[in-house]
Amino acid sequence: MDNGHEVASKGKILCVLHQEHSTTGRIGQTLRSKGYEVVKCRHACGDPLPEETEPFDGIVIFGGPMSANDTHLEFIRGELDWLVTGKPLEVPFLGVCLGAQLLARAMGGEVGPHEYGAKEIGYHEIMTTPTGKSLMGFDKSHVFQWHSEGIHLGDYGETLAFSQRFNNQAFSAGANILGIQFHLEMFPELMARWYHKAQPDLTIDGVHEPEHSSEASKRHFEHNGKLLNHLLDRWLAQEMVA
């Protein structure tokens, strides 16, 4: 486990990452600007998940190219089991993309592909539910997406936002638990790196060309930053219920 370079006095946020070179991006930057120390745990690369969560003022599980259904992977099983214990949910918990899908599965929900094979890659519009509008402060917004699977909530959790193709873009499960399918941590440079590395199939419904996403970023990047700042404030204050 490697600590963030900026040690602050406000508290520590544990960030669980799934690849050797994964970054906390804009989420980490925003948390540091608020005075938090970002503690990185690369669990997929061998870092142990903490047995006790009391030392942390929040926990974020980030995304990755794997699926929440990949239980043949030891670290996926480990994170699911960790969430099922409820320990990481005793402090403010945020799941991003894969992290949100793991959270949903741990709460009895399901994760699976779109029925017609659609994906969402690029800036896509999301719409809020009445509760979501109260919490997030908007009716519609474009956010950066990179996923091929969607979430079906079980008996727990309330949908906050949805899109044309996937019906759970954001959900809460109490005052301190939030899951989001989209990537508010995204910087334009990071987006370009993902496109270059993954080379997604541009013929699939919902997959935008890199040039399209680059132009969309110029229009939506500033608003995504404001949305991130607002959501983190509500999440850390344990106000994820209307």
Foldseek 3Di string as FASTA:
>chain_A
DAWDPDQFDPAEEEEEEADPPDDLFLLCVLCVVVGYIYHYAHVNVPGDDDPADVRGQEYEYEDDPDACPPVVRVSSVVVLVVVLVVRRVVHQYEYEARGLQSNQVSQPKDKDFFPVQAAAAAWFKKAFDPFLCVQQVDGIATFGADGGMEIDHDPFWDATIQGPGHGHQKIAGALRYIYGNGDLSDDLVVSVVCCVVVVDDCVGHNHDDNVVRSVVCVVHNVVSSVSSSSNVVSNSVSGSGD
